[in-house]
Amino acid sequence: PFHRNIARAILKEPKYYFFDIAQVRGDIGAKLENLVACALLKEIHRLQDEEGRDMTLHFLRTKDGREVDFAVSNDDAITHMIEVKTKDPDFSPALDMFGAYFPQAARMQLVQELKREKQFPHGGCVRRMATWLEHVSIGS
């Protein structure tokens, strides 16, 4: 989990992902989240290697259980917040809630089964997961 206080972050329950997606047990949502985690990590490693960026991958969770699947940080500042869904086209309330704490961060919801992509006035967007995976970009 992302936390400015390292001691508190260590106490929080971590999430685990597999490079071999076939090892993921559970529903399709867990498999899709794992797939996006691998794609994000690969892009973060590319940006670290090619551009020397200090980037890390986290998730965000409150004490009451509200969560955003992925938070990408650059120099300890959250730059992207990403939520993964199988069918839900409605913008995640958790992205809006955490957006108040990290207004500089891009907010994106990736949906596997989505009829139409959406861009919102507050800067958030809902995108087709397959389209996003073709050209993963968190560089800007």
N, C-alpha and C. Protein backbone atom coordinates (compact mmCIF):
# COMPACT_ATOMS: atom_id res chain seq x y z
N PRO A 1 0.83 -1.20 0.00
CA PRO A 1 0.00 0.00 0.00
C PRO A 1 0.86 1.26 0.00
N PHE A 2 0.35 2.33 -0.58
CA PHE A 2 1.06 3.59 -0.58
C PHE A 2 0.84 4.27 0.76
N HIS A 3 1.93 4.70 1.38
CA HIS A 3 1.85 5.46 2.62
C HIS A 3 3.16 6.21 2.79
N ARG A 4 3.08 7.47 3.15
CA ARG A 4 4.29 8.27 3.33
C ARG A 4 5.10 7.78 4.53
N ASN A 5 4.44 7.17 5.50
CA ASN A 5 5.09 6.63 6.68
C ASN A 5 5.39 5.15 6.42
N ILE A 6 6.65 4.82 6.22
CA ILE A 6 7.05 3.45 5.86
C ILE A 6 6.63 2.45 6.94
N ALA A 7 6.76 2.80 8.20
CA ALA A 7 6.39 1.87 9.28
C ALA A 7 4.91 1.51 9.21
N ARG A 8 4.05 2.47 8.91
CA ARG A 8 2.61 2.18 8.81
C ARG A 8 2.32 1.37 7.55
N ALA A 9 3.04 1.62 6.47
CA ALA A 9 2.81 0.87 5.23
C ALA A 9 3.15 -0.60 5.41
N ILE A 10 4.20 -0.88 6.16
CA ILE A 10 4.61 -2.27 6.39
C ILE A 10 3.54 -3.02 7.19
N LEU A 11 2.85 -2.33 8.09
CA LEU A 11 1.81 -2.97 8.89
C LEU A 11 0.56 -3.30 8.08
N LYS A 12 0.36 -2.61 6.98
CA LYS A 12 -0.85 -2.82 6.18
C LYS A 12 -0.74 -4.11 5.38
N GLU A 13 -1.87 -4.73 5.13
CA GLU A 13 -1.91 -5.99 4.40
C GLU A 13 -1.50 -5.79 2.93
N PRO A 14 -0.50 -6.51 2.45
CA PRO A 14 -0.07 -6.36 1.05
C PRO A 14 -0.98 -7.13 0.09
N LYS A 15 -0.80 -6.87 -1.19
CA LYS A 15 -1.45 -7.65 -2.24
C LYS A 15 -0.35 -8.38 -2.99
N TYR A 16 -0.68 -9.53 -3.54
CA TYR A 16 0.29 -10.32 -4.27
C TYR A 16 -0.20 -10.54 -5.69
N TYR A 17 0.74 -10.45 -6.64
CA TYR A 17 0.44 -10.69 -8.05
C TYR A 17 1.46 -11.68 -8.59
N PHE A 18 1.08 -12.37 -9.66
CA PHE A 18 1.93 -13.39 -10.26
C PHE A 18 2.32 -12.99 -11.68
N PHE A 19 3.59 -13.23 -12.04
CA PHE A 19 4.00 -13.01 -13.42
C PHE A 19 3.33 -14.03 -14.33
N ASP A 20 3.09 -15.24 -13.81
CA ASP A 20 2.39 -16.28 -14.55
C ASP A 20 0.91 -16.17 -14.18
N ILE A 21 0.14 -15.53 -15.05
CA ILE A 21 -1.26 -15.24 -14.75
C ILE A 21 -2.08 -16.52 -14.58
N ALA A 22 -1.62 -17.62 -15.15
CA ALA A 22 -2.34 -18.89 -15.00
C ALA A 22 -2.37 -19.33 -13.54
N GLN A 23 -1.48 -18.81 -12.70
CA GLN A 23 -1.43 -19.18 -11.29
C GLN A 23 -2.49 -18.45 -10.46
N VAL A 24 -3.14 -17.45 -11.06
CA VAL A 24 -4.14 -16.66 -10.32
C VAL A 24 -5.40 -17.48 -10.14
N ARG A 25 -5.80 -17.64 -8.90
CA ARG A 25 -7.04 -18.36 -8.59
C ARG A 25 -8.12 -17.34 -8.30
N GLY A 26 -9.31 -17.68 -8.67
CA GLY A 26 -10.42 -16.77 -8.40
C GLY A 26 -11.16 -16.41 -9.66
N ASP A 27 -11.95 -15.39 -9.56
CA ASP A 27 -12.79 -14.98 -10.67
C ASP A 27 -12.00 -14.21 -11.73
N ILE A 28 -12.68 -13.87 -12.79
CA ILE A 28 -12.05 -13.16 -13.90
C ILE A 28 -11.53 -11.79 -13.45
N GLY A 29 -12.19 -11.16 -12.48
CA GLY A 29 -11.74 -9.87 -11.98
C GLY A 29 -10.34 -9.93 -11.39
N ALA A 30 -10.06 -10.98 -10.64
CA ALA A 30 -8.72 -11.15 -10.05
C ALA A 30 -7.68 -11.37 -11.14
N LYS A 31 -8.04 -12.12 -12.17
CA LYS A 31 -7.11 -12.37 -13.27
C LYS A 31 -6.83 -11.08 -14.05
N LEU A 32 -7.88 -10.28 -14.29
CA LEU A 32 -7.69 -9.02 -15.01
C LEU A 32 -6.84 -8.04 -14.20
N GLU A 33 -7.09 -7.98 -12.89
CA GLU A 33 -6.29 -7.10 -12.04
C GLU A 33 -4.82 -7.53 -12.07
N ASN A 34 -4.57 -8.82 -12.04
CA ASN A 34 -3.21 -9.33 -12.11
C ASN A 34 -2.57 -8.97 -13.46
N LEU A 35 -3.33 -9.08 -14.54
CA LEU A 35 -2.82 -8.73 -15.87
C LEU A 35 -2.41 -7.25 -15.93
N VAL A 36 -3.25 -6.38 -15.41
CA VAL A 36 -2.94 -4.95 -15.40
C VAL A 36 -1.72 -4.68 -14.51
N ALA A 37 -1.61 -5.37 -13.38
CA ALA A 37 -0.45 -5.20 -12.51
C ALA A 37 0.84 -5.53 -13.25
N CYS A 38 0.84 -6.61 -14.00
CA CYS A 38 2.03 -6.99 -14.77
C CYS A 38 2.36 -5.96 -15.85
N ALA A 39 1.34 -5.46 -16.53
CA ALA A 39 1.55 -4.44 -17.57
C ALA A 39 2.11 -3.15 -16.97
N LEU A 40 1.55 -2.73 -15.83
CA LEU A 40 2.04 -1.53 -15.17
C LEU A 40 3.48 -1.70 -14.69
N LEU A 41 3.77 -2.83 -14.08
CA LEU A 41 5.12 -3.06 -13.58
C LEU A 41 6.14 -3.06 -14.73
N LYS A 42 5.77 -3.67 -15.84
CA LYS A 42 6.65 -3.69 -17.01
C LYS A 42 6.93 -2.26 -17.50
N GLU A 43 5.89 -1.43 -17.56
CA GLU A 43 6.06 -0.04 -18.00
C GLU A 43 6.88 0.76 -17.00
N ILE A 44 6.66 0.53 -15.71
CA ILE A 44 7.45 1.22 -14.68
C ILE A 44 8.92 0.84 -14.81
N HIS A 45 9.21 -0.43 -15.01
CA HIS A 45 10.60 -0.86 -15.18
C HIS A 45 11.22 -0.24 -16.43
N ARG A 46 10.44 -0.12 -17.50
CA ARG A 46 10.95 0.53 -18.71
C ARG A 46 11.31 1.98 -18.43
N LEU A 47 10.43 2.70 -17.74
CA LEU A 47 10.69 4.11 -17.45
C LEU A 47 11.86 4.28 -16.48
N GLN A 48 12.02 3.35 -15.55
CA GLN A 48 13.17 3.39 -14.66
C GLN A 48 14.47 3.18 -15.43
N ASP A 49 14.48 2.19 -16.34
CA ASP A 49 15.68 1.86 -17.09
C ASP A 49 16.03 2.90 -18.14
N GLU A 50 15.04 3.35 -18.91
CA GLU A 50 15.31 4.25 -20.02
C GLU A 50 15.44 5.72 -19.61
N GLU A 51 14.65 6.12 -18.60
CA GLU A 51 14.62 7.54 -18.25
C GLU A 51 15.11 7.83 -16.84
N GLY A 52 15.44 6.79 -16.09
CA GLY A 52 15.97 6.97 -14.75
C GLY A 52 14.96 7.49 -13.74
N ARG A 53 13.69 7.28 -14.01
CA ARG A 53 12.65 7.76 -13.09
C ARG A 53 12.59 6.92 -11.82
N ASP A 54 12.22 7.56 -10.74
CA ASP A 54 12.06 6.89 -9.45
C ASP A 54 10.58 6.56 -9.28
N MET A 55 10.13 5.48 -9.93
CA MET A 55 8.71 5.13 -9.95
C MET A 55 8.47 3.85 -9.17
N THR A 56 7.29 3.79 -8.54
CA THR A 56 6.90 2.59 -7.80
C THR A 56 5.41 2.33 -8.01
N LEU A 57 5.00 1.10 -7.74
CA LEU A 57 3.62 0.68 -7.91
C LEU A 57 3.03 0.30 -6.56
N HIS A 58 1.85 0.84 -6.26
CA HIS A 58 1.18 0.62 -4.98
C HIS A 58 -0.31 0.40 -5.21
N PHE A 59 -1.04 0.31 -4.12
CA PHE A 59 -2.50 0.43 -4.15
C PHE A 59 -2.87 1.36 -3.01
N LEU A 60 -4.11 1.83 -3.03
CA LEU A 60 -4.59 2.74 -1.99
C LEU A 60 -5.75 2.08 -1.27
N ARG A 61 -5.75 2.17 0.06
CA ARG A 61 -6.85 1.58 0.83
C ARG A 61 -7.03 2.38 2.11
N THR A 62 -8.28 2.67 2.44
CA THR A 62 -8.58 3.34 3.70
C THR A 62 -8.83 2.30 4.79
N LYS A 63 -8.91 2.76 6.03
CA LYS A 63 -9.18 1.85 7.15
C LYS A 63 -10.54 1.19 7.00
N ASP A 64 -11.50 1.89 6.36
CA ASP A 64 -12.84 1.31 6.21
C ASP A 64 -12.98 0.46 4.94
N GLY A 65 -11.87 0.21 4.23
CA GLY A 65 -11.88 -0.74 3.13
C GLY A 65 -12.07 -0.17 1.74
N ARG A 66 -12.25 1.14 1.60
CA ARG A 66 -12.34 1.71 0.25
C ARG A 66 -10.96 1.63 -0.39
N GLU A 67 -10.95 1.27 -1.67
CA GLU A 67 -9.67 0.93 -2.29
C GLU A 67 -9.62 1.33 -3.76
N VAL A 68 -8.42 1.68 -4.20
CA VAL A 68 -8.12 1.84 -5.62
C VAL A 68 -7.05 0.80 -5.92
N ASP A 69 -7.25 0.05 -7.00
CA ASP A 69 -6.38 -1.09 -7.30
C ASP A 69 -4.92 -0.72 -7.47
N PHE A 70 -4.63 0.38 -8.18
CA PHE A 70 -3.23 0.74 -8.46
C PHE A 70 -3.00 2.22 -8.30
N ALA A 71 -1.86 2.53 -7.70
CA ALA A 71 -1.40 3.91 -7.58
C ALA A 71 0.06 3.92 -8.03
N VAL A 72 0.35 4.67 -9.08
CA VAL A 72 1.71 4.78 -9.58
C VAL A 72 2.30 6.05 -9.01
N SER A 73 3.51 5.95 -8.45
CA SER A 73 4.15 7.14 -7.91
C SER A 73 5.46 7.41 -8.64
N ASN A 74 5.78 8.68 -8.75
CA ASN A 74 7.03 9.14 -9.33
C ASN A 74 7.61 10.14 -8.33
N ASP A 75 8.81 9.86 -7.83
CA ASP A 75 9.43 10.69 -6.79
C ASP A 75 8.50 10.86 -5.59
N ASP A 76 7.90 9.78 -5.15
CA ASP A 76 7.01 9.74 -3.97
C ASP A 76 5.74 10.57 -4.11
N ALA A 77 5.36 10.90 -5.33
CA ALA A 77 4.10 11.61 -5.57
C ALA A 77 3.23 10.74 -6.46
N ILE A 78 1.98 10.54 -6.07
CA ILE A 78 1.06 9.73 -6.87
C ILE A 78 0.78 10.46 -8.18
N THR A 79 1.03 9.78 -9.31
CA THR A 79 0.80 10.38 -10.63
C THR A 79 -0.39 9.76 -11.34
N HIS A 80 -0.71 8.50 -11.04
CA HIS A 80 -1.81 7.79 -11.69
C HIS A 80 -2.53 6.91 -10.68
N MET A 81 -3.85 6.91 -10.77
CA MET A 81 -4.67 5.98 -9.99
C MET A 81 -5.52 5.20 -10.99
N ILE A 82 -5.49 3.87 -10.87
CA ILE A 82 -6.15 3.02 -11.85
C ILE A 82 -7.00 1.98 -11.14
N GLU A 83 -8.24 1.87 -11.58
CA GLU A 83 -9.18 0.88 -11.06
C GLU A 83 -9.50 -0.09 -12.19
N VAL A 84 -9.62 -1.37 -11.89
CA VAL A 84 -9.89 -2.41 -12.88
C VAL A 84 -11.27 -3.02 -12.61
N LYS A 85 -12.09 -3.09 -13.66
CA LYS A 85 -13.44 -3.66 -13.55
C LYS A 85 -13.69 -4.60 -14.73
N THR A 86 -14.59 -5.55 -14.54
CA THR A 86 -14.95 -6.42 -15.66
C THR A 86 -16.04 -5.80 -16.52
N LYS A 87 -17.09 -5.21 -15.88
CA LYS A 87 -18.22 -4.70 -16.65
C LYS A 87 -18.69 -3.30 -16.25
N ASP A 88 -18.36 -2.82 -15.09
CA ASP A 88 -18.94 -1.60 -14.54
C ASP A 88 -18.48 -0.35 -15.30
N PRO A 89 -19.37 0.30 -16.06
CA PRO A 89 -18.97 1.50 -16.82
C PRO A 89 -19.04 2.79 -15.99
N ASP A 90 -19.61 2.71 -14.78
CA ASP A 90 -19.73 3.90 -13.94
C ASP A 90 -18.41 4.18 -13.25
N PHE A 91 -18.02 5.46 -13.25
CA PHE A 91 -16.75 5.86 -12.66
C PHE A 91 -16.71 5.52 -11.18
N SER A 92 -15.64 4.92 -10.76
CA SER A 92 -15.48 4.43 -9.39
C SER A 92 -15.53 5.56 -8.36
N PRO A 93 -16.40 5.44 -7.35
CA PRO A 93 -16.43 6.44 -6.28
C PRO A 93 -15.09 6.52 -5.53
N ALA A 94 -14.38 5.41 -5.43
CA ALA A 94 -13.08 5.41 -4.74
C ALA A 94 -12.07 6.28 -5.48
N LEU A 95 -12.12 6.28 -6.83
CA LEU A 95 -11.22 7.16 -7.59
C LEU A 95 -11.52 8.62 -7.29
N ASP A 96 -12.80 8.96 -7.20
CA ASP A 96 -13.18 10.33 -6.85
C ASP A 96 -12.73 10.68 -5.43
N MET A 97 -12.96 9.77 -4.50
CA MET A 97 -12.60 10.03 -3.10
C MET A 97 -11.10 10.25 -2.95
N PHE A 98 -10.28 9.35 -3.53
CA PHE A 98 -8.83 9.50 -3.44
C PHE A 98 -8.35 10.67 -4.31
N GLY A 99 -9.10 11.02 -5.34
CA GLY A 99 -8.75 12.18 -6.16
C GLY A 99 -8.70 13.47 -5.36
N ALA A 100 -9.50 13.55 -4.31
CA ALA A 100 -9.47 14.73 -3.44
C ALA A 100 -8.13 14.83 -2.69
N TYR A 101 -7.52 13.69 -2.39
CA TYR A 101 -6.23 13.68 -1.69
C TYR A 101 -5.05 13.83 -2.65
N PHE A 102 -5.23 13.38 -3.88
CA PHE A 102 -4.16 13.42 -4.88
C PHE A 102 -4.70 14.09 -6.15
N PRO A 103 -4.99 15.40 -6.11
CA PRO A 103 -5.62 16.06 -7.26
C PRO A 103 -4.75 16.09 -8.52
N GLN A 104 -3.44 15.96 -8.37
CA GLN A 104 -2.54 15.98 -9.52
C GLN A 104 -2.52 14.65 -10.28
N ALA A 105 -3.07 13.61 -9.68
CA ALA A 105 -2.99 12.26 -10.27
C ALA A 105 -4.06 12.05 -11.34
N ALA A 106 -3.65 11.43 -12.43
CA ALA A 106 -4.60 11.01 -13.47
C ALA A 106 -5.43 9.86 -12.90
N ARG A 107 -6.74 9.88 -13.17
CA ARG A 107 -7.64 8.84 -12.65
C ARG A 107 -8.25 8.09 -13.83
N MET A 108 -8.09 6.78 -13.81
CA MET A 108 -8.56 5.96 -14.92
C MET A 108 -9.19 4.68 -14.42
N GLN A 109 -10.31 4.33 -15.04
CA GLN A 109 -10.95 3.05 -14.77
C GLN A 109 -10.87 2.23 -16.05
N LEU A 110 -10.29 1.03 -15.95
CA LEU A 110 -10.17 0.13 -17.09
C LEU A 110 -11.25 -0.93 -16.98
N VAL A 111 -12.02 -1.10 -18.06
CA VAL A 111 -13.16 -2.02 -18.04
C VAL A 111 -13.00 -3.03 -19.18
N GLN A 112 -13.14 -4.30 -18.87
CA GLN A 112 -13.00 -5.34 -19.90
C GLN A 112 -14.14 -5.26 -20.91
N GLU A 113 -15.36 -5.23 -20.44
CA GLU A 113 -16.52 -5.22 -21.34
C GLU A 113 -17.15 -3.83 -21.29
N LEU A 114 -16.72 -2.97 -22.20
CA LEU A 114 -17.17 -1.59 -22.22
C LEU A 114 -17.63 -1.22 -23.62
N LYS A 115 -18.83 -0.67 -23.72
CA LYS A 115 -19.38 -0.29 -25.03
C LYS A 115 -18.78 1.02 -25.53
N ARG A 116 -18.63 1.98 -24.62
CA ARG A 116 -18.17 3.30 -25.04
C ARG A 116 -17.25 3.91 -23.99
N GLU A 117 -16.09 4.40 -24.42
CA GLU A 117 -15.18 5.07 -23.50
C GLU A 117 -15.73 6.43 -23.11
N LYS A 118 -15.35 6.91 -21.92
CA LYS A 118 -15.86 8.18 -21.42
C LYS A 118 -14.72 9.01 -20.85
N GLN A 119 -14.82 10.32 -21.03
CA GLN A 119 -13.91 11.29 -20.42
C GLN A 119 -14.77 12.22 -19.58
N PHE A 120 -14.38 12.49 -18.36
CA PHE A 120 -15.19 13.31 -17.46
C PHE A 120 -14.57 14.68 -17.27
N PRO A 121 -15.38 15.70 -16.97
CA PRO A 121 -14.86 17.06 -16.78
C PRO A 121 -13.82 17.17 -15.67
N HIS A 122 -13.91 16.31 -14.65
CA HIS A 122 -12.94 16.36 -13.55
C HIS A 122 -11.60 15.73 -13.93
N GLY A 123 -11.49 15.21 -15.15
CA GLY A 123 -10.23 14.66 -15.63
C GLY A 123 -10.15 13.15 -15.62
N GLY A 124 -11.09 12.49 -14.99
CA GLY A 124 -11.08 11.03 -14.98
C GLY A 124 -11.59 10.46 -16.28
N CYS A 125 -11.30 9.19 -16.52
CA CYS A 125 -11.78 8.54 -17.74
C CYS A 125 -12.08 7.08 -17.48
N VAL A 126 -12.95 6.53 -18.32
CA VAL A 126 -13.25 5.10 -18.33
C VAL A 126 -12.82 4.61 -19.70
N ARG A 127 -11.92 3.62 -19.73
CA ARG A 127 -11.36 3.14 -21.00
C ARG A 127 -11.52 1.64 -21.13
N ARG A 128 -11.53 1.19 -22.39
CA ARG A 128 -11.53 -0.25 -22.67
C ARG A 128 -10.17 -0.81 -22.27
N MET A 129 -10.20 -1.88 -21.52
CA MET A 129 -8.96 -2.47 -21.04
C MET A 129 -8.07 -2.95 -22.18
N ALA A 130 -8.66 -3.61 -23.17
CA ALA A 130 -7.86 -4.14 -24.28
C ALA A 130 -7.16 -3.03 -25.04
N THR A 131 -7.84 -1.92 -25.27
CA THR A 131 -7.24 -0.79 -25.98
C THR A 131 -6.08 -0.22 -25.17
N TRP A 132 -6.26 -0.07 -23.87
CA TRP A 132 -5.22 0.47 -23.01
C TRP A 132 -4.02 -0.47 -22.96
N LEU A 133 -4.28 -1.77 -22.88
CA LEU A 133 -3.18 -2.75 -22.80
C LEU A 133 -2.33 -2.78 -24.08
N GLU A 134 -2.92 -2.42 -25.21
CA GLU A 134 -2.16 -2.38 -26.46
C GLU A 134 -1.06 -1.33 -26.41
N HIS A 135 -1.30 -0.24 -25.69
CA HIS A 135 -0.34 0.88 -25.65
C HIS A 135 -0.25 1.43 -24.23
N VAL A 136 0.20 0.60 -23.30
CA VAL A 136 0.28 1.03 -21.91
C VAL A 136 1.16 2.27 -21.82
N SER A 137 0.62 3.32 -21.20
CA SER A 137 1.39 4.55 -21.08
C SER A 137 1.09 5.23 -19.76
N ILE A 138 2.12 5.39 -18.95
CA ILE A 138 2.01 6.15 -17.71
C ILE A 138 3.17 7.13 -17.63
N GLY A 139 3.80 7.37 -18.76
CA GLY A 139 5.01 8.18 -18.80
C GLY A 139 4.79 9.66 -18.58
N SER A 140 3.61 10.16 -18.90
CA SER A 140 3.41 11.60 -18.77
C SER A 140 2.61 11.94 -17.55
